[in-house]
Structure formats: C-alpha cells, structure tokens
PDB file of all heavy atoms in Angstrom:
ATOM      1  N   SER A   1       0.827  -1.215   0.000  1.00  0.00           N
ATOM      2  CA  SER A   1       0.000   0.000   0.000  1.00  0.00           C
ATOM      3  C   SER A   1       0.852   1.251   0.000  1.00  0.00           C
ATOM      4  O   SER A   1       0.349   2.329  -0.284  1.00  0.00           O
ATOM      5  CB  SER A   1      -0.912   0.014   1.227  1.00  0.00           C
ATOM      6  OG  SER A   1      -0.123   0.020   2.416  1.00  0.00           O
ATOM      7  N   ASP A   2       2.167   1.153   0.290  1.00  0.00           N
ATOM      8  CA  ASP A   2       3.028   2.333   0.269  1.00  0.00           C
ATOM      9  C   ASP A   2       3.278   2.819  -1.146  1.00  0.00           C
ATOM     10  O   ASP A   2       3.533   3.996  -1.373  1.00  0.00           O
ATOM     11  CB  ASP A   2       4.370   2.016   0.929  1.00  0.00           C
ATOM     12  CG  ASP A   2       4.209   1.921   2.436  1.00  0.00           C
ATOM     13  OD1 ASP A   2       3.175   2.400   2.927  1.00  0.00           O
ATOM     14  OD2 ASP A   2       5.115   1.348   3.087  1.00  0.00           O
ATOM     15  N   LYS A   3       3.225   1.949  -2.123  1.00  0.00           N
ATOM     16  CA  LYS A   3       3.519   2.342  -3.501  1.00  0.00           C
ATOM     17  C   LYS A   3       2.551   3.384  -4.034  1.00  0.00           C
ATOM     18  O   LYS A   3       2.959   4.392  -4.569  1.00  0.00           O
ATOM     19  CB  LYS A   3       3.546   1.119  -4.398  1.00  0.00           C
ATOM     20  CG  LYS A   3       4.727   0.211  -4.088  1.00  0.00           C
ATOM     21  CD  LYS A   3       4.762  -0.962  -5.045  1.00  0.00           C
ATOM     22  CE  LYS A   3       5.963  -1.842  -4.729  1.00  0.00           C
ATOM     23  NZ  LYS A   3       6.027  -2.999  -5.640  1.00  0.00           N
ATOM     24  N   PRO A   4       1.247   3.170  -3.853  1.00  0.00           N
ATOM     25  CA  PRO A   4       0.321   4.226  -4.305  1.00  0.00           C
ATOM     26  C   PRO A   4       0.573   5.546  -3.576  1.00  0.00           C
ATOM     27  O   PRO A   4       0.452   6.601  -4.149  1.00  0.00           O
ATOM     28  CB  PRO A   4      -1.056   3.656  -3.971  1.00  0.00           C
ATOM     29  CG  PRO A   4      -0.845   2.186  -3.954  1.00  0.00           C
ATOM     30  CD  PRO A   4       0.523   1.988  -3.432  1.00  0.00           C
ATOM     31  N   LYS A   5       0.943   5.458  -2.290  1.00  0.00           N
ATOM     32  CA  LYS A   5       1.218   6.689  -1.549  1.00  0.00           C
ATOM     33  C   LYS A   5       2.397   7.414  -2.144  1.00  0.00           C
ATOM     34  O   LYS A   5       2.404   8.623  -2.260  1.00  0.00           O
ATOM     35  CB  LYS A   5       1.496   6.350  -0.086  1.00  0.00           C
ATOM     36  CG  LYS A   5       0.269   5.907   0.677  1.00  0.00           C
ATOM     37  CD  LYS A   5       0.606   5.651   2.110  1.00  0.00           C
ATOM     38  CE  LYS A   5      -0.637   5.197   2.879  1.00  0.00           C
ATOM     39  NZ  LYS A   5      -0.331   4.910   4.288  1.00  0.00           N
ATOM     40  N   ALA A   6       3.414   6.672  -2.529  1.00  0.00           N
ATOM     41  CA  ALA A   6       4.570   7.303  -3.147  1.00  0.00           C
ATOM     42  C   ALA A   6       4.184   7.962  -4.448  1.00  0.00           C
ATOM     43  O   ALA A   6       4.615   9.073  -4.760  1.00  0.00           O
ATOM     44  CB  ALA A   6       5.664   6.266  -3.372  1.00  0.00           C
ATOM     45  N   ASP A   7       3.334   7.313  -5.234  1.00  0.00           N
ATOM     46  CA  ASP A   7       2.869   7.890  -6.504  1.00  0.00           C
ATOM     47  C   ASP A   7       2.079   9.153  -6.240  1.00  0.00           C
ATOM     48  O   ASP A   7       2.188  10.147  -6.962  1.00  0.00           O
ATOM     49  CB  ASP A   7       2.015   6.873  -7.259  1.00  0.00           C
ATOM     50  CG  ASP A   7       2.863   5.682  -7.691  1.00  0.00           C
ATOM     51  OD1 ASP A   7       4.104   5.828  -7.741  1.00  0.00           O
ATOM     52  OD2 ASP A   7       2.268   4.603  -7.956  1.00  0.00           O
ATOM     53  N   SER A   8       1.251   9.060  -5.174  1.00  0.00           N
ATOM     54  CA  SER A   8       0.438  10.238  -4.838  1.00  0.00           C
ATOM     55  C   SER A   8       1.324  11.407  -4.463  1.00  0.00           C
ATOM     56  O   SER A   8       1.051  12.559  -4.813  1.00  0.00           O
ATOM     57  CB  SER A   8      -0.511   9.913  -3.682  1.00  0.00           C
ATOM     58  OG  SER A   8      -1.370   8.867  -4.060  1.00  0.00           O
ATOM     59  N   ALA A   9       2.412  11.152  -3.736  1.00  0.00           N
ATOM     60  CA  ALA A   9       3.313  12.231  -3.313  1.00  0.00           C
ATOM     61  C   ALA A   9       3.961  12.870  -4.514  1.00  0.00           C
ATOM     62  O   ALA A   9       4.085  14.079  -4.622  1.00  0.00           O
ATOM     63  CB  ALA A   9       4.374  11.699  -2.368  1.00  0.00           C
ATOM     64  N   LYS A  10       4.344  12.017  -5.472  1.00  0.00           N
ATOM     65  CA  LYS A  10       4.945  12.574  -6.687  1.00  0.00           C
ATOM     66  C   LYS A  10       3.951  13.431  -7.449  1.00  0.00           C
ATOM     67  O   LYS A  10       4.281  14.492  -7.962  1.00  0.00           O
ATOM     68  CB  LYS A  10       5.453  11.446  -7.567  1.00  0.00           C
ATOM     69  CG  LYS A  10       6.654  10.720  -6.983  1.00  0.00           C
ATOM     70  CD  LYS A  10       7.090   9.604  -7.897  1.00  0.00           C
ATOM     71  CE  LYS A  10       8.284   8.870  -7.311  1.00  0.00           C
ATOM     72  NZ  LYS A  10       8.725   7.767  -8.189  1.00  0.00           N
ATOM     73  N   THR A  11       2.699  13.018  -7.529  1.00  0.00           N
ATOM     74  CA  THR A  11       1.666  13.792  -8.220  1.00  0.00           C
ATOM     75  C   THR A  11       1.446  15.122  -7.539  1.00  0.00           C
ATOM     76  O   THR A  11       1.288  16.168  -8.168  1.00  0.00           O
ATOM     77  CB  THR A  11       0.356  12.999  -8.271  1.00  0.00           C
ATOM     78  OG1 THR A  11       0.613  11.736  -8.862  1.00  0.00           O
ATOM     79  CG2 THR A  11      -0.709  13.728  -9.058  1.00  0.00           C
ATOM     80  N   GLY A  12       1.434  15.137  -6.228  1.00  0.00           N
ATOM     81  CA  GLY A  12       1.245  16.381  -5.478  1.00  0.00           C
ATOM     82  C   GLY A  12       2.374  17.356  -5.713  1.00  0.00           C
ATOM     83  O   GLY A  12       2.164  18.562  -5.852  1.00  0.00           O
ATOM     84  N   ASP A  13       3.608  16.883  -5.812  1.00  0.00           N
ATOM     85  CA  ASP A  13       4.753  17.759  -6.076  1.00  0.00           C
ATOM     86  C   ASP A  13       4.638  18.410  -7.429  1.00  0.00           C
ATOM     87  O   ASP A  13       4.898  19.620  -7.596  1.00  0.00           O
ATOM     88  CB  ASP A  13       6.048  16.929  -6.002  1.00  0.00           C
ATOM     89  CG  ASP A  13       6.326  16.472  -4.577  1.00  0.00           C
ATOM     90  OD1 ASP A  13       5.726  17.058  -3.652  1.00  0.00           O
ATOM     91  OD2 ASP A  13       7.117  15.511  -4.407  1.00  0.00           O
ATOM     92  N   GLY A  14       4.172  17.656  -8.420  1.00  0.00           N
ATOM     93  CA  GLY A  14       4.002  18.230  -9.756  1.00  0.00           C
ATOM     94  C   GLY A  14       2.933  19.311  -9.754  1.00  0.00           C
ATOM     95  O   GLY A  14       3.063  20.357 -10.383  1.00  0.00           O
ATOM     96  N   PHE A  15       1.858  19.020  -9.011  1.00  0.00           N
ATOM     97  CA  PHE A  15       0.767  20.005  -8.952  1.00  0.00           C
ATOM     98  C   PHE A  15       1.213  21.281  -8.255  1.00  0.00           C
ATOM     99  O   PHE A  15       0.875  22.400  -8.686  1.00  0.00           O
ATOM    100  CB  PHE A  15      -0.426  19.386  -8.232  1.00  0.00           C
ATOM    101  CG  PHE A  15      -1.596  20.328  -8.075  1.00  0.00           C
ATOM    102  CD1 PHE A  15      -2.423  20.652  -9.151  1.00  0.00           C
ATOM    103  CD2 PHE A  15      -1.834  20.927  -6.844  1.00  0.00           C
ATOM    104  CE1 PHE A  15      -3.474  21.515  -8.978  1.00  0.00           C
ATOM    105  CE2 PHE A  15      -2.890  21.788  -6.675  1.00  0.00           C
ATOM    106  CZ  PHE A  15      -3.726  22.090  -7.738  1.00  0.00           C
ATOM    107  N   SER A  16       1.989  21.148  -7.181  1.00  0.00           N
ATOM    108  CA  SER A  16       2.457  22.332  -6.446  1.00  0.00           C
ATOM    109  C   SER A  16       3.360  23.191  -7.306  1.00  0.00           C
ATOM    110  O   SER A  16       3.292  24.444  -7.279  1.00  0.00           O
ATOM    111  CB  SER A  16       3.201  21.888  -5.184  1.00  0.00           C
ATOM    112  OG  SER A  16       2.333  21.154  -4.344  1.00  0.00           O
ATOM    113  N   GLY A  17       4.219  22.587  -8.118  1.00  0.00           N
ATOM    114  CA  GLY A  17       5.118  23.345  -9.000  1.00  0.00           C
ATOM    115  C   GLY A  17       4.343  24.130 -10.038  1.00  0.00           C
ATOM    116  O   GLY A  17       4.645  25.301 -10.312  1.00  0.00           O
ATOM    117  N   SER A  18       3.345  23.516 -10.626  1.00  0.00           N
ATOM    118  CA  SER A  18       2.541  24.205 -11.656  1.00  0.00           C
ATOM    119  C   SER A  18       1.774  25.376 -11.056  1.00  0.00           C
ATOM    120  O   SER A  18       1.645  26.451 -11.668  1.00  0.00           O
ATOM    121  CB  SER A  18       1.567  23.215 -12.296  1.00  0.00           C
ATOM    122  OG  SER A  18       2.279  22.154 -12.898  1.00  0.00           O
ATOM    123  N   PHE A  19       1.250  25.129  -9.824  1.00  0.00           N
ATOM    124  CA  PHE A  19       0.484  26.185  -9.163  1.00  0.00           C
ATOM    125  C   PHE A  19       1.371  27.391  -8.831  1.00  0.00           C
ATOM    126  O   PHE A  19       0.961  28.559  -9.001  1.00  0.00           O
ATOM    127  CB  PHE A  19      -0.143  25.626  -7.893  1.00  0.00           C
ATOM    128  CG  PHE A  19      -1.025  26.616  -7.176  1.00  0.00           C
ATOM    129  CD1 PHE A  19      -2.262  26.997  -7.715  1.00  0.00           C
ATOM    130  CD2 PHE A  19      -0.616  27.175  -5.979  1.00  0.00           C
ATOM    131  CE1 PHE A  19      -3.055  27.906  -7.045  1.00  0.00           C
ATOM    132  CE2 PHE A  19      -1.416  28.103  -5.320  1.00  0.00           C
ATOM    133  CZ  PHE A  19      -2.642  28.462  -5.833  1.00  0.00           C
ATOM    134  N   ALA A  20       2.614  27.138  -8.458  1.00  0.00           N
ATOM    135  CA  ALA A  20       3.546  28.244  -8.149  1.00  0.00           C
ATOM    136  C   ALA A  20       3.866  29.051  -9.392  1.00  0.00           C
ATOM    137  O   ALA A  20       3.943  30.298  -9.364  1.00  0.00           O
ATOM    138  CB  ALA A  20       4.809  27.667  -7.518  1.00  0.00           C
ATOM    139  N   ALA A  21       4.076  28.311 -10.514  1.00  0.00           N
ATOM    140  CA  ALA A  21       4.375  29.013 -11.778  1.00  0.00           C
ATOM    141  C   ALA A  21       3.203  29.899 -12.194  1.00  0.00           C
ATOM    142  O   ALA A  21       3.379  31.031 -12.704  1.00  0.00           O
ATOM    143  CB  ALA A  21       4.713  27.987 -12.861  1.00  0.00           C
ATOM    144  N   LEU A  22       1.982  29.380 -11.967  1.00  0.00           N
ATOM    145  CA  LEU A  22       0.787  30.154 -12.322  1.00  0.00           C
ATOM    146  C   LEU A  22       0.682  31.421 -11.479  1.00  0.00           C
ATOM    147  O   LEU A  22       0.333  32.509 -11.984  1.00  0.00           O
ATOM    148  CB  LEU A  22      -0.452  29.274 -12.148  1.00  0.00           C
ATOM    149  CG  LEU A  22      -1.793  29.922 -12.486  1.00  0.00           C
ATOM    150  CD1 LEU A  22      -1.829  30.340 -13.974  1.00  0.00           C
ATOM    151  CD2 LEU A  22      -2.934  28.962 -12.193  1.00  0.00           C
ATOM    152  N   LEU A  23       1.009  31.270 -10.179  1.00  0.00           N
ATOM    153  CA  LEU A  23       0.971  32.449  -9.307  1.00  0.00           C
ATOM    154  C   LEU A  23       1.973  33.511  -9.743  1.00  0.00           C
ATOM    155  O   LEU A  23       1.688  34.723  -9.723  1.00  0.00           O
ATOM    156  CB  LEU A  23       1.253  32.016  -7.857  1.00  0.00           C
ATOM    157  CG  LEU A  23       0.133  31.224  -7.155  1.00  0.00           C
ATOM    158  CD1 LEU A  23       0.583  30.810  -5.766  1.00  0.00           C
ATOM    159  CD2 LEU A  23      -1.143  32.068  -7.065  1.00  0.00           C
ATOM    160  N   ILE A  24       3.160  33.042 -10.139  1.00  0.00           N
ATOM    161  CA  ILE A  24       4.183  33.998 -10.602  1.00  0.00           C
ATOM    162  C   ILE A  24       3.706  34.732 -11.850  1.00  0.00           C
ATOM    163  O   ILE A  24       3.862  35.965 -11.996  1.00  0.00           O
ATOM    164  CB  ILE A  24       5.507  33.279 -10.865  1.00  0.00           C
ATOM    165  CG1 ILE A  24       6.094  32.770  -9.534  1.00  0.00           C
ATOM    166  CG2 ILE A  24       6.511  34.182 -11.571  1.00  0.00           C
ATOM    167  CD1 ILE A  24       7.281  31.880  -9.713  1.00  0.00           C
ATOM    168  N   LEU A  25       3.084  33.964 -12.762  1.00  0.00           N
ATOM    169  CA  LEU A  25       2.582  34.577 -13.998  1.00  0.00           C
ATOM    170  C   LEU A  25       1.508  35.602 -13.713  1.00  0.00           C
ATOM    171  O   LEU A  25       1.483  36.713 -14.291  1.00  0.00           O
ATOM    172  CB  LEU A  25       2.051  33.472 -14.925  1.00  0.00           C
ATOM    173  CG  LEU A  25       1.495  33.941 -16.273  1.00  0.00           C
ATOM    174  CD1 LEU A  25       2.588  34.670 -17.089  1.00  0.00           C
ATOM    175  CD2 LEU A  25       0.945  32.763 -17.057  1.00  0.00           C
ATOM    176  N   VAL A  26       0.599  35.204 -12.801  1.00  0.00           N
ATOM    177  CA  VAL A  26      -0.477  36.141 -12.439  1.00  0.00           C
ATOM    178  C   VAL A  26       0.097  37.405 -11.800  1.00  0.00           C
ATOM    179  O   VAL A  26      -0.350  38.556 -12.049  1.00  0.00           O
ATOM    180  CB  VAL A  26      -1.476  35.451 -11.497  1.00  0.00           C
ATOM    181  CG1 VAL A  26      -2.470  36.460 -10.951  1.00  0.00           C
ATOM    182  CG2 VAL A  26      -2.212  34.343 -12.243  1.00  0.00           C
ATOM    183  N   SER A  27       1.111  37.219 -10.949  1.00  0.00           N
ATOM    184  CA  SER A  27       1.723  38.383 -10.281  1.00  0.00           C
ATOM    185  C   SER A  27       2.368  39.314 -11.292  1.00  0.00           C
ATOM    186  O   SER A  27       2.253  40.562 -11.200  1.00  0.00           O
ATOM    187  CB  SER A  27       2.776  37.895  -9.265  1.00  0.00           C
ATOM    188  OG  SER A  27       2.171  37.096  -8.270  1.00  0.00           O
ATOM    189  N   VAL A  28       3.057  38.701 -12.261  1.00  0.00           N
ATOM    190  CA  VAL A  28       3.721  39.526 -13.286  1.00  0.00           C
ATOM    191  C   VAL A  28       2.690  40.301 -14.095  1.00  0.00           C
ATOM    192  O   VAL A  28       2.834  41.513 -14.377  1.00  0.00           O
ATOM    193  CB  VAL A  28       4.585  38.628 -14.196  1.00  0.00           C
ATOM    194  CG1 VAL A  28       5.088  39.428 -15.407  1.00  0.00           C
ATOM    195  CG2 VAL A  28       5.758  38.052 -13.421  1.00  0.00           C
ATOM    196  N   LEU A  29       1.611  39.582 -14.462  1.00  0.00           N
ATOM    197  CA  LEU A  29       0.558  40.246 -15.231  1.00  0.00           C
ATOM    198  C   LEU A  29      -0.081  41.376 -14.412  1.00  0.00           C
ATOM    199  O   LEU A  29      -0.429  42.447 -14.938  1.00  0.00           O
ATOM    200  CB  LEU A  29      -0.505  39.226 -15.661  1.00  0.00           C
ATOM    201  CG  LEU A  29      -0.055  38.196 -16.732  1.00  0.00           C
ATOM    202  CD1 LEU A  29      -1.160  37.196 -16.973  1.00  0.00           C
ATOM    203  CD2 LEU A  29       0.304  38.934 -18.023  1.00  0.00           C
ATOM    204  N   GLY A  30      -0.228  41.076 -13.091  1.00  0.00           N
ATOM    205  CA  GLY A  30      -0.821  42.117 -12.244  1.00  0.00           C
ATOM    206  C   GLY A  30       0.066  43.348 -12.146  1.00  0.00           C
ATOM    207  O   GLY A  30      -0.414  44.504 -12.203  1.00  0.00           O
ATOM    208  N   MET A  31       1.380  43.105 -12.042  1.00  0.00           N
ATOM    209  CA  MET A  31       2.315  44.226 -11.963  1.00  0.00           C
ATOM    210  C   MET A  31       2.317  45.010 -13.263  1.00  0.00           C
ATOM    211  O   MET A  31       2.359  46.251 -13.265  1.00  0.00           O
ATOM    212  CB  MET A  31       3.713  43.686 -11.653  1.00  0.00           C
ATOM    213  CG  MET A  31       3.844  43.108 -10.248  1.00  0.00           C
ATOM    214  SD  MET A  31       5.464  42.388  -9.964  1.00  0.00           S
ATOM    215  CE  MET A  31       6.480  43.845 -10.137  1.00  0.00           C
ATOM    216  N   LEU A  32       2.264  44.288 -14.389  1.00  0.00           N
ATOM    217  CA  LEU A  32       2.233  44.975 -15.680  1.00  0.00           C
ATOM    218  C   LEU A  32       0.966  45.816 -15.823  1.00  0.00           C
ATOM    219  O   LEU A  32       0.983  46.950 -16.378  1.00  0.00           O
ATOM    220  CB  LEU A  32       2.330  43.947 -16.806  1.00  0.00           C
ATOM    221  CG  LEU A  32       3.689  43.228 -16.960  1.00  0.00           C
ATOM    222  CD1 LEU A  32       3.599  42.153 -18.046  1.00  0.00           C
ATOM    223  CD2 LEU A  32       4.785  44.240 -17.307  1.00  0.00           C
ATOM    224  N   SER A  33      -0.140  45.230 -15.331  1.00  0.00           N
ATOM    225  CA  SER A  33      -1.415  45.974 -15.433  1.00  0.00           C
ATOM    226  C   SER A  33      -1.360  47.253 -14.605  1.00  0.00           C
ATOM    227  O   SER A  33      -1.814  48.340 -15.035  1.00  0.00           O
ATOM    228  CB  SER A  33      -2.575  45.090 -14.962  1.00  0.00           C
ATOM    229  OG  SER A  33      -2.682  43.946 -15.785  1.00  0.00           O
ATOM    230  N   VAL A  34      -0.810  47.153 -13.420  1.00  0.00           N
ATOM    231  CA  VAL A  34      -0.721  48.342 -12.548  1.00  0.00           C
ATOM    232  C   VAL A  34       0.175  49.394 -13.188  1.00  0.00           C
ATOM    233  O   VAL A  34      -0.119  50.613 -13.189  1.00  0.00           O
ATOM    234  CB  VAL A  34      -0.183  47.931 -11.165  1.00  0.00           C
ATOM    235  CG1 VAL A  34       0.116  49.172 -10.331  1.00  0.00           C
ATOM    236  CG2 VAL A  34      -1.192  47.057 -10.456  1.00  0.00           C
TER     237      VAL A  34
END
C-alpha cells in the first residue's frame, strides 16, 4: 500500500510546481497591469 502513496506524493509535487508558476505569472501580469 506504500507504492500508491509514493505515486500520490509525486503527483502532489508536480501540482504544487505548476500552481507556483501560475501564481508567478499572475503576479507579473498584475504588476504589468498596474
């Protein structure tokens, strides 16, 4: 049962990285708009 957990952890790391990149993009766009 640890194997699926390990897969889940890897999936969560990928999701967190994408979400951070999106936040940076939004921040840049917000700064440009201001």
